[in-house]
């Protein structure tokens, strides 16, 4: 339940998604997350730091920890499913238009 609570908070999964390819600085991360407010980003990063999913590096960039990379790996089936879902909705929309 704790994981569902953490990931149910807006932006937490997006932050993990944006950090999947490597460390990102605060401002760049903010831009990648549709320019969310800096106070919300700080709060979400604190939550993810406390959960040991994200770490702040010496150069102040943020990166996934090994646990954080595990979350991303666990999300991959959901990414595949969402692509199938989008394709199904797109096909249904095409049929309705025709």
PDB file of N, CA and C in Angstrom:
ATOM      1  N   UNK A   1       0.822  -1.191   0.000  1.00  0.00           N
ATOM      2  CA  UNK A   1       0.000   0.000   0.000  1.00  0.00           C
ATOM      3  C   UNK A   1       0.868   1.258   0.000  1.00  0.00           C
ATOM      4  N   UNK A   2       2.019   1.191   0.658  1.00  0.00           N
ATOM      5  CA  UNK A   2       2.893   2.368   0.695  1.00  0.00           C
ATOM      6  C   UNK A   2       3.365   2.733  -0.711  1.00  0.00           C
ATOM      7  N   UNK A   3       3.679   1.733  -1.520  1.00  0.00           N
ATOM      8  CA  UNK A   3       4.120   1.997  -2.890  1.00  0.00           C
ATOM      9  C   UNK A   3       2.987   2.612  -3.704  1.00  0.00           C
ATOM     10  N   UNK A   4       1.784   2.099  -3.545  1.00  0.00           N
ATOM     11  CA  UNK A   4       0.651   2.658  -4.280  1.00  0.00           C
ATOM     12  C   UNK A   4       0.395   4.103  -3.857  1.00  0.00           C
ATOM     13  N   UNK A   5       0.555   4.371  -2.575  1.00  0.00           N
ATOM     14  CA  UNK A   5       0.392   5.742  -2.092  1.00  0.00           C
ATOM     15  C   UNK A   5       1.453   6.652  -2.706  1.00  0.00           C
ATOM     16  N   UNK A   6       2.698   6.207  -2.700  1.00  0.00           N
ATOM     17  CA  UNK A   6       3.791   7.008  -3.253  1.00  0.00           C
ATOM     18  C   UNK A   6       3.595   7.258  -4.744  1.00  0.00           C
ATOM     19  N   UNK A   7       3.284   6.216  -5.492  1.00  0.00           N
ATOM     20  CA  UNK A   7       3.159   6.349  -6.940  1.00  0.00           C
ATOM     21  C   UNK A   7       1.835   6.964  -7.369  1.00  0.00           C
ATOM     22  N   UNK A   8       0.879   6.988  -6.453  1.00  0.00           N
ATOM     23  CA  UNK A   8      -0.398   7.623  -6.746  1.00  0.00           C
ATOM     24  C   UNK A   8      -0.334   9.139  -6.669  1.00  0.00           C
ATOM     25  N   UNK A   9       0.729   9.662  -6.094  1.00  0.00           N
ATOM     26  CA  UNK A   9       0.877  11.114  -6.007  1.00  0.00           C
ATOM     27  C   UNK A   9       1.307  11.653  -7.362  1.00  0.00           C
ATOM     28  N   UNK A  10       0.629  12.687  -7.765  1.00  0.00           N
ATOM     29  CA  UNK A  10       0.903  13.264  -9.076  1.00  0.00           C
ATOM     30  C   UNK A  10       2.379  13.616  -9.226  1.00  0.00           C
ATOM     31  N   UNK A  11       2.938  13.290 -10.355  1.00  0.00           N
ATOM     32  CA  UNK A  11       4.288  13.587 -10.791  1.00  0.00           C
ATOM     33  C   UNK A  11       5.345  12.569 -10.374  1.00  0.00           C
ATOM     34  N   UNK A  12       5.127  11.763  -9.350  1.00  0.00           N
ATOM     35  CA  UNK A  12       6.185  10.861  -8.897  1.00  0.00           C
ATOM     36  C   UNK A  12       6.608   9.877  -9.987  1.00  0.00           C
ATOM     37  N   UNK A  13       5.653   9.259 -10.646  1.00  0.00           N
ATOM     38  CA  UNK A  13       6.009   8.327 -11.717  1.00  0.00           C
ATOM     39  C   UNK A  13       6.636   9.067 -12.896  1.00  0.00           C
ATOM     40  N   UNK A  14       6.169  10.258 -13.165  1.00  0.00           N
ATOM     41  CA  UNK A  14       6.739  11.044 -14.266  1.00  0.00           C
ATOM     42  C   UNK A  14       8.207  11.363 -13.989  1.00  0.00           C
ATOM     43  N   UNK A  15       8.517  11.714 -12.746  1.00  0.00           N
ATOM     44  CA  UNK A  15       9.909  12.008 -12.394  1.00  0.00           C
ATOM     45  C   UNK A  15      10.771  10.770 -12.613  1.00  0.00           C
ATOM     46  N   UNK A  16      10.303   9.620 -12.168  1.00  0.00           N
ATOM     47  CA  UNK A  16      11.055   8.378 -12.377  1.00  0.00           C
ATOM     48  C   UNK A  16      11.233   8.127 -13.875  1.00  0.00           C
ATOM     49  N   UNK A  17      10.187   8.343 -14.644  1.00  0.00           N
ATOM     50  CA  UNK A  17      10.252   8.160 -16.087  1.00  0.00           C
ATOM     51  C   UNK A  17      11.308   9.072 -16.709  1.00  0.00           C
ATOM     52  N   UNK A  18      11.341  10.316 -16.283  1.00  0.00           N
ATOM     53  CA  UNK A  18      12.275  11.283 -16.860  1.00  0.00           C
ATOM     54  C   UNK A  18      13.725  11.021 -16.453  1.00  0.00           C
ATOM     55  N   UNK A  19      13.931  10.313 -15.360  1.00  0.00           N
ATOM     56  CA  UNK A  19      15.290  10.022 -14.896  1.00  0.00           C
ATOM     57  C   UNK A  19      15.824   8.686 -15.411  1.00  0.00           C
ATOM     58  N   UNK A  20      15.039   7.982 -16.217  1.00  0.00           N
ATOM     59  CA  UNK A  20      15.427   6.639 -16.648  1.00  0.00           C
ATOM     60  C   UNK A  20      16.715   6.603 -17.462  1.00  0.00           C
ATOM     61  N   UNK A  21      17.039   7.675 -18.170  1.00  0.00           N
ATOM     62  CA  UNK A  21      18.223   7.660 -19.035  1.00  0.00           C
ATOM     63  C   UNK A  21      19.453   8.264 -18.391  1.00  0.00           C
ATOM     64  N   UNK A  22      19.337   8.716 -17.156  1.00  0.00           N
ATOM     65  CA  UNK A  22      20.505   9.267 -16.484  1.00  0.00           C
ATOM     66  C   UNK A  22      20.175  10.515 -15.693  1.00  0.00           C
ATOM     67  N   UNK A  23      21.192  11.041 -15.007  1.00  0.00           N
ATOM     68  CA  UNK A  23      21.007  12.195 -14.123  1.00  0.00           C
ATOM     69  C   UNK A  23      20.500  13.430 -14.865  1.00  0.00           C
ATOM     70  N   UNK A  24      19.683  14.197 -14.155  1.00  0.00           N
ATOM     71  CA  UNK A  24      19.104  15.418 -14.707  1.00  0.00           C
ATOM     72  C   UNK A  24      19.117  16.483 -13.614  1.00  0.00           C
ATOM     73  N   UNK A  25      19.477  17.697 -13.968  1.00  0.00           N
ATOM     74  CA  UNK A  25      19.443  18.810 -13.033  1.00  0.00           C
ATOM     75  C   UNK A  25      18.020  19.253 -12.740  1.00  0.00           C
ATOM     76  N   UNK A  26      17.863  20.046 -11.693  1.00  0.00           N
ATOM     77  CA  UNK A  26      16.537  20.465 -11.239  1.00  0.00           C
ATOM     78  C   UNK A  26      15.767  21.193 -12.337  1.00  0.00           C
ATOM     79  N   UNK A  27      16.364  22.206 -12.925  1.00  0.00           N
ATOM     80  CA  UNK A  27      15.644  23.012 -13.937  1.00  0.00           C
ATOM     81  C   UNK A  27      15.301  22.187 -15.177  1.00  0.00           C
ATOM     82  N   UNK A  28      16.213  21.351 -15.615  1.00  0.00           N
ATOM     83  CA  UNK A  28      15.937  20.497 -16.772  1.00  0.00           C
ATOM     84  C   UNK A  28      14.813  19.511 -16.448  1.00  0.00           C
ATOM     85  N   UNK A  29      14.829  18.969 -15.239  1.00  0.00           N
ATOM     86  CA  UNK A  29      13.773  18.048 -14.828  1.00  0.00           C
ATOM     87  C   UNK A  29      12.435  18.774 -14.775  1.00  0.00           C
ATOM     88  N   UNK A  30      12.448  19.977 -14.271  1.00  0.00           N
ATOM     89  CA  UNK A  30      11.226  20.787 -14.215  1.00  0.00           C
ATOM     90  C   UNK A  30      10.672  20.995 -15.632  1.00  0.00           C
ATOM     91  N   UNK A  31      11.536  21.309 -16.582  1.00  0.00           N
ATOM     92  CA  UNK A  31      11.105  21.498 -17.975  1.00  0.00           C
ATOM     93  C   UNK A  31      10.545  20.209 -18.561  1.00  0.00           C
ATOM     94  N   UNK A  32      11.210  19.092 -18.277  1.00  0.00           N
ATOM     95  CA  UNK A  32      10.749  17.802 -18.809  1.00  0.00           C
ATOM     96  C   UNK A  32       9.390  17.406 -18.230  1.00  0.00           C
ATOM     97  N   UNK A  33       9.080  17.940 -17.074  1.00  0.00           N
ATOM     98  CA  UNK A  33       7.802  17.632 -16.410  1.00  0.00           C
ATOM     99  C   UNK A  33       6.801  18.760 -16.643  1.00  0.00           C
ATOM    100  N   UNK A  34       6.777  19.266 -17.843  1.00  0.00           N
ATOM    101  CA  UNK A  34       5.807  20.286 -18.247  1.00  0.00           C
ATOM    102  C   UNK A  34       5.841  21.531 -17.383  1.00  0.00           C
ATOM    103  N   UNK A  35       7.047  21.901 -16.936  1.00  0.00           N
ATOM    104  CA  UNK A  35       7.244  23.104 -16.125  1.00  0.00           C
ATOM    105  C   UNK A  35       6.371  23.133 -14.872  1.00  0.00           C
ATOM    106  N   UNK A  36       6.317  22.000 -14.191  1.00  0.00           N
ATOM    107  CA  UNK A  36       5.581  21.984 -12.916  1.00  0.00           C
ATOM    108  C   UNK A  36       6.213  22.996 -11.975  1.00  0.00           C
ATOM    109  N   UNK A  37       5.471  23.415 -10.978  1.00  0.00           N
ATOM    110  CA  UNK A  37       5.999  24.435 -10.065  1.00  0.00           C
ATOM    111  C   UNK A  37       7.215  23.879  -9.317  1.00  0.00           C
ATOM    112  N   UNK A  38       8.144  24.768  -9.022  1.00  0.00           N
ATOM    113  CA  UNK A  38       9.361  24.344  -8.340  1.00  0.00           C
ATOM    114  C   UNK A  38       9.062  23.805  -6.948  1.00  0.00           C
ATOM    115  N   UNK A  39       8.048  24.335  -6.279  1.00  0.00           N
ATOM    116  CA  UNK A  39       7.726  23.840  -4.933  1.00  0.00           C
ATOM    117  C   UNK A  39       7.188  22.412  -4.983  1.00  0.00           C
ATOM    118  N   UNK A  40       6.379  22.107  -5.995  1.00  0.00           N
ATOM    119  CA  UNK A  40       5.857  20.735  -6.130  1.00  0.00           C
ATOM    120  C   UNK A  40       6.997  19.796  -6.493  1.00  0.00           C
ATOM    121  N   UNK A  41       7.870  20.210  -7.406  1.00  0.00           N
ATOM    122  CA  UNK A  41       8.998  19.361  -7.782  1.00  0.00           C
ATOM    123  C   UNK A  41       9.883  19.094  -6.578  1.00  0.00           C
ATOM    124  N   UNK A  42      10.176  20.097  -5.789  1.00  0.00           N
ATOM    125  CA  UNK A  42      10.988  19.884  -4.580  1.00  0.00           C
ATOM    126  C   UNK A  42      10.322  18.888  -3.633  1.00  0.00           C
ATOM    127  N   UNK A  43       9.011  19.045  -3.450  1.00  0.00           N
ATOM    128  CA  UNK A  43       8.280  18.136  -2.552  1.00  0.00           C
ATOM    129  C   UNK A  43       8.326  16.702  -3.079  1.00  0.00           C
ATOM    130  N   UNK A  44       8.090  16.528  -4.375  1.00  0.00           N
ATOM    131  CA  UNK A  44       8.104  15.176  -4.944  1.00  0.00           C
ATOM    132  C   UNK A  44       9.504  14.571  -4.911  1.00  0.00           C
ATOM    133  N   UNK A  45      10.512  15.373  -5.191  1.00  0.00           N
ATOM    134  CA  UNK A  45      11.882  14.856  -5.120  1.00  0.00           C
ATOM    135  C   UNK A  45      12.227  14.454  -3.692  1.00  0.00           C
ATOM    136  N   UNK A  46      11.785  15.222  -2.715  1.00  0.00           N
ATOM    137  CA  UNK A  46      12.023  14.863  -1.310  1.00  0.00           C
ATOM    138  C   UNK A  46      11.375  13.526  -0.987  1.00  0.00           C
ATOM    139  N   UNK A  47      10.156  13.320  -1.456  1.00  0.00           N
ATOM    140  CA  UNK A  47       9.465  12.039  -1.227  1.00  0.00           C
ATOM    141  C   UNK A  47      10.243  10.888  -1.859  1.00  0.00           C
ATOM    142  N   UNK A  48      10.707  11.090  -3.083  1.00  0.00           N
ATOM    143  CA  UNK A  48      11.439  10.031  -3.778  1.00  0.00           C
ATOM    144  C   UNK A  48      12.828   9.819  -3.186  1.00  0.00           C
ATOM    145  N   UNK A  49      13.451  10.876  -2.688  1.00  0.00           N
ATOM    146  CA  UNK A  49      14.730  10.736  -1.972  1.00  0.00           C
ATOM    147  C   UNK A  49      14.526   9.943  -0.692  1.00  0.00           C
ATOM    148  N   UNK A  50      13.489  10.290   0.071  1.00  0.00           N
ATOM    149  CA  UNK A  50      13.191   9.578   1.325  1.00  0.00           C
ATOM    150  C   UNK A  50      12.864   8.109   1.086  1.00  0.00           C
ATOM    151  N   UNK A  51      12.275   7.812  -0.072  1.00  0.00           N
ATOM    152  CA  UNK A  51      11.918   6.432  -0.418  1.00  0.00           C
ATOM    153  C   UNK A  51      13.099   5.667  -1.013  1.00  0.00           C
ATOM    154  N   UNK A  52      14.260   6.330  -1.146  1.00  0.00           N
ATOM    155  CA  UNK A  52      15.490   5.733  -1.685  1.00  0.00           C
ATOM    156  C   UNK A  52      15.355   5.320  -3.146  1.00  0.00           C
ATOM    157  N   UNK A  53      14.482   6.023  -3.894  1.00  0.00           N
ATOM    158  CA  UNK A  53      14.322   5.744  -5.319  1.00  0.00           C
ATOM    159  C   UNK A  53      15.129   6.710  -6.173  1.00  0.00           C
ATOM    160  N   UNK A  54      15.434   7.874  -5.601  1.00  0.00           N
ATOM    161  CA  UNK A  54      16.188   8.914  -6.286  1.00  0.00           C
ATOM    162  C   UNK A  54      17.310   9.354  -5.364  1.00  0.00           C
ATOM    163  N   UNK A  55      18.428   9.739  -5.958  1.00  0.00           N
ATOM    164  CA  UNK A  55      19.542  10.281  -5.179  1.00  0.00           C
ATOM    165  C   UNK A  55      19.967  11.598  -5.801  1.00  0.00           C
ATOM    166  N   UNK A  56      20.503  12.465  -4.953  1.00  0.00           N
ATOM    167  CA  UNK A  56      21.048  13.714  -5.461  1.00  0.00           C
ATOM    168  C   UNK A  56      22.549  13.553  -5.522  1.00  0.00           C
ATOM    169  N   UNK A  57      23.105  13.805  -6.676  1.00  0.00           N
ATOM    170  CA  UNK A  57      24.530  13.620  -6.879  1.00  0.00           C
ATOM    171  C   UNK A  57      25.308  14.856  -6.445  1.00  0.00           C
ATOM    172  N   UNK A  58      26.620  14.719  -6.384  1.00  0.00           N
ATOM    173  CA  UNK A  58      27.485  15.809  -5.928  1.00  0.00           C
ATOM    174  C   UNK A  58      27.312  17.067  -6.769  1.00  0.00           C
ATOM    175  N   UNK A  59      27.008  16.891  -8.062  1.00  0.00           N
ATOM    176  CA  UNK A  59      26.818  18.059  -8.931  1.00  0.00           C
ATOM    177  C   UNK A  59      25.385  18.597  -8.857  1.00  0.00           C
ATOM    178  N   UNK A  60      24.618  18.111  -7.910  1.00  0.00           N
ATOM    179  CA  UNK A  60      23.220  18.470  -7.612  1.00  0.00           C
ATOM    180  C   UNK A  60      22.206  17.901  -8.597  1.00  0.00           C
ATOM    181  N   UNK A  61      22.651  17.137  -9.594  1.00  0.00           N
ATOM    182  CA  UNK A  61      21.702  16.477 -10.488  1.00  0.00           C
ATOM    183  C   UNK A  61      21.014  15.350  -9.723  1.00  0.00           C
ATOM    184  N   UNK A  62      19.855  14.974 -10.217  1.00  0.00           N
ATOM    185  CA  UNK A  62      19.100  13.876  -9.612  1.00  0.00           C
ATOM    186  C   UNK A  62      19.196  12.649 -10.501  1.00  0.00           C
ATOM    187  N   UNK A  63      19.271  11.480  -9.880  1.00  0.00           N
ATOM    188  CA  UNK A  63      19.402  10.228 -10.624  1.00  0.00           C
ATOM    189  C   UNK A  63      18.626   9.139  -9.898  1.00  0.00           C
ATOM    190  N   UNK A  64      18.254   8.120 -10.640  1.00  0.00           N
ATOM    191  CA  UNK A  64      17.602   6.960 -10.026  1.00  0.00           C
ATOM    192  C   UNK A  64      18.633   6.141  -9.262  1.00  0.00           C
ATOM    193  N   UNK A  65      18.220   5.612  -8.129  1.00  0.00           N
ATOM    194  CA  UNK A  65      19.030   4.633  -7.413  1.00  0.00           C
ATOM    195  C   UNK A  65      18.765   3.271  -8.047  1.00  0.00           C
ATOM    196  N   UNK A  66      19.417   2.248  -7.550  1.00  0.00           N
ATOM    197  CA  UNK A  66      19.141   0.906  -8.065  1.00  0.00           C
ATOM    198  C   UNK A  66      17.676   0.540  -7.841  1.00  0.00           C
ATOM    199  N   UNK A  67      17.125   0.914  -6.683  1.00  0.00           N
ATOM    200  CA  UNK A  67      15.691   0.682  -6.438  1.00  0.00           C
ATOM    201  C   UNK A  67      14.837   1.454  -7.429  1.00  0.00           C
ATOM    202  N   UNK A  68      15.241   2.676  -7.745  1.00  0.00           N
ATOM    203  CA  UNK A  68      14.512   3.490  -8.712  1.00  0.00           C
ATOM    204  C   UNK A  68      14.519   2.868 -10.098  1.00  0.00           C
ATOM    205  N   UNK A  69      15.668   2.312 -10.489  1.00  0.00           N
ATOM    206  CA  UNK A  69      15.733   1.612 -11.778  1.00  0.00           C
ATOM    207  C   UNK A  69      14.816   0.389 -11.751  1.00  0.00           C
ATOM    208  N   UNK A  70      14.688  -0.243 -10.593  1.00  0.00           N
ATOM    209  CA  UNK A  70      13.768  -1.378 -10.457  1.00  0.00           C
ATOM    210  C   UNK A  70      12.326  -0.963 -10.689  1.00  0.00           C
ATOM    211  N   UNK A  71      11.967   0.219 -10.219  1.00  0.00           N
ATOM    212  CA  UNK A  71      10.620   0.725 -10.464  1.00  0.00           C
ATOM    213  C   UNK A  71      10.407   0.909 -11.961  1.00  0.00           C
ATOM    214  N   UNK A  72      11.381   1.500 -12.617  1.00  0.00           N
ATOM    215  CA  UNK A  72      11.243   1.689 -14.062  1.00  0.00           C
ATOM    216  C   UNK A  72      11.088   0.346 -14.775  1.00  0.00           C
ATOM    217  N   UNK A  73      11.906  -0.639 -14.402  1.00  0.00           N
ATOM    218  CA  UNK A  73      11.788  -1.963 -15.031  1.00  0.00           C
ATOM    219  C   UNK A  73      10.408  -2.561 -14.771  1.00  0.00           C
ATOM    220  N   UNK A  74       9.872  -2.333 -13.589  1.00  0.00           N
ATOM    221  CA  UNK A  74       8.538  -2.851 -13.260  1.00  0.00           C
ATOM    222  C   UNK A  74       7.451  -2.154 -14.078  1.00  0.00           C
ATOM    223  N   UNK A  75       7.700  -0.935 -14.522  1.00  0.00           N
ATOM    224  CA  UNK A  75       6.721  -0.185 -15.307  1.00  0.00           C
ATOM    225  C   UNK A  75       6.684  -0.584 -16.776  1.00  0.00           C
ATOM    226  N   UNK A  76       7.708  -1.236 -17.264  1.00  0.00           N
ATOM    227  CA  UNK A  76       7.764  -1.562 -18.695  1.00  0.00           C
ATOM    228  C   UNK A  76       6.545  -2.334 -19.199  1.00  0.00           C
ATOM    229  N   UNK A  77       6.009  -3.323 -18.466  1.00  0.00           N
ATOM    230  CA  UNK A  77       4.789  -3.974 -18.958  1.00  0.00           C
ATOM    231  C   UNK A  77       3.614  -3.000 -19.078  1.00  0.00           C
ATOM    232  N   UNK A  78       3.544  -2.035 -18.179  1.00  0.00           N
ATOM    233  CA  UNK A  78       2.483  -1.029 -18.255  1.00  0.00           C
ATOM    234  C   UNK A  78       2.669  -0.145 -19.482  1.00  0.00           C
ATOM    235  N   UNK A  79       3.904   0.160 -19.830  1.00  0.00           N
ATOM    236  CA  UNK A  79       4.195   0.948 -21.033  1.00  0.00           C
ATOM    237  C   UNK A  79       3.736   0.179 -22.272  1.00  0.00           C
ATOM    238  N   UNK A  80       4.043  -1.128 -22.322  1.00  0.00           N
ATOM    239  CA  UNK A  80       3.604  -1.947 -23.466  1.00  0.00           C
ATOM    240  C   UNK A  80       2.082  -1.985 -23.542  1.00  0.00           C
ATOM    241  N   UNK A  81       1.431  -2.169 -22.400  1.00  0.00           N
ATOM    242  CA  UNK A  81      -0.022  -2.206 -22.374  1.00  0.00           C
ATOM    243  C   UNK A  81      -0.607  -0.874 -22.836  1.00  0.00           C
ATOM    244  N   UNK A  82      -0.030   0.240 -22.393  1.00  0.00           N
ATOM    245  CA  UNK A  82      -0.580   1.542 -22.759  1.00  0.00           C
ATOM    246  C   UNK A  82      -0.448   1.784 -24.264  1.00  0.00           C
ATOM    247  N   UNK A  83       0.612   1.265 -24.886  1.00  0.00           N
ATOM    248  CA  UNK A  83       0.755   1.384 -26.334  1.00  0.00           C
ATOM    249  C   UNK A  83      -0.353   0.598 -27.043  1.00  0.00           C
ATOM    250  N   UNK A  84      -0.654  -0.600 -26.545  1.00  0.00           N
ATOM    251  CA  UNK A  84      -1.750  -1.399 -27.109  1.00  0.00           C
ATOM    252  C   UNK A  84      -3.084  -0.683 -26.928  1.00  0.00           C
ATOM    253  N   UNK A  85      -3.286  -0.114 -25.767  1.00  0.00           N
ATOM    254  CA  UNK A  85      -4.515   0.607 -25.460  1.00  0.00           C
ATOM    255  C   UNK A  85      -4.686   1.796 -26.411  1.00  0.00           C
ATOM    256  N   UNK A  86      -3.598   2.568 -26.585  1.00  0.00           N
ATOM    257  CA  UNK A  86      -3.654   3.724 -27.480  1.00  0.00           C
ATOM    258  C   UNK A  86      -3.980   3.283 -28.910  1.00  0.00           C
ATOM    259  N   UNK A  87      -3.368   2.182 -29.342  1.00  0.00           N
ATOM    260  CA  UNK A  87      -3.631   1.683 -30.694  1.00  0.00           C
ATOM    261  C   UNK A  87      -5.092   1.255 -30.839  1.00  0.00           C
ATOM    262  N   UNK A  88      -5.627   0.616 -29.824  1.00  0.00           N
ATOM    263  CA  UNK A  88      -7.025   0.182 -29.848  1.00  0.00           C
ATOM    264  C   UNK A  88      -7.959   1.388 -29.921  1.00  0.00           C
ATOM    265  N   UNK A  89      -7.682   2.401 -29.116  1.00  0.00           N
ATOM    266  CA  UNK A  89      -8.519   3.599 -29.130  1.00  0.00           C
ATOM    267  C   UNK A  89      -8.417   4.320 -30.469  1.00  0.00           C
ATOM    268  N   UNK A  90      -7.218   4.360 -31.015  1.00  0.00           N
ATOM    269  CA  UNK A  90      -7.003   5.011 -32.299  1.00  0.00           C
ATOM    270  C   UNK A  90      -7.768   4.278 -33.401  1.00  0.00           C
ATOM    271  N   UNK A  91      -7.708   2.945 -33.387  1.00  0.00           N
ATOM    272  CA  UNK A  91      -8.407   2.145 -34.381  1.00  0.00           C
ATOM    273  C   UNK A  91      -9.927   2.330 -34.245  1.00  0.00           C
ATOM    274  N   UNK A  92     -10.406   2.374 -33.007  1.00  0.00           N
ATOM    275  CA  UNK A  92     -11.833   2.570 -32.778  1.00  0.00           C
ATOM    276  C   UNK A  92     -12.260   3.957 -33.257  1.00  0.00           C
ATOM    277  N   UNK A  93     -11.417   4.948 -33.065  1.00  0.00           N
ATOM    278  CA  UNK A  93     -11.709   6.294 -33.538  1.00  0.00           C
ATOM    279  C   UNK A  93     -11.747   6.375 -35.041  1.00  0.00           C
ATOM    280  N   UNK A  94     -10.854   5.621 -35.694  1.00  0.00           N
ATOM    281  CA  UNK A  94     -10.825   5.585 -37.155  1.00  0.00           C
ATOM    282  C   UNK A  94     -12.089   4.936 -37.709  1.00  0.00           C
ATOM    283  N   UNK A  95     -12.550   3.882 -37.048  1.00  0.00           N
ATOM    284  CA  UNK A  95     -13.765   3.207 -37.480  1.00  0.00           C
ATOM    285  C   UNK A  95     -14.976   4.114 -37.325  1.00  0.00           C
ATOM    286  N   UNK A  96     -15.025   4.886 -36.221  1.00  0.00           N
ATOM    287  CA  UNK A  96     -16.150   5.789 -35.982  1.00  0.00           C
ATOM    288  C   UNK A  96     -16.174   6.909 -37.021  1.00  0.00           C
ATOM    289  N   UNK A  97     -14.989   7.345 -37.454  1.00  0.00           N
ATOM    290  CA  UNK A  97     -14.905   8.440 -38.428  1.00  0.00           C
ATOM    291  C   UNK A  97     -15.247   7.985 -39.834  1.00  0.00           C
ATOM    292  N   UNK A  98     -15.098   6.687 -40.086  1.00  0.00           N
ATOM    293  CA  UNK A  98     -15.309   6.172 -41.452  1.00  0.00           C
ATOM    294  C   UNK A  98     -16.667   5.757 -41.666  1.00  0.00           C
TER     295      UNK A  98
END
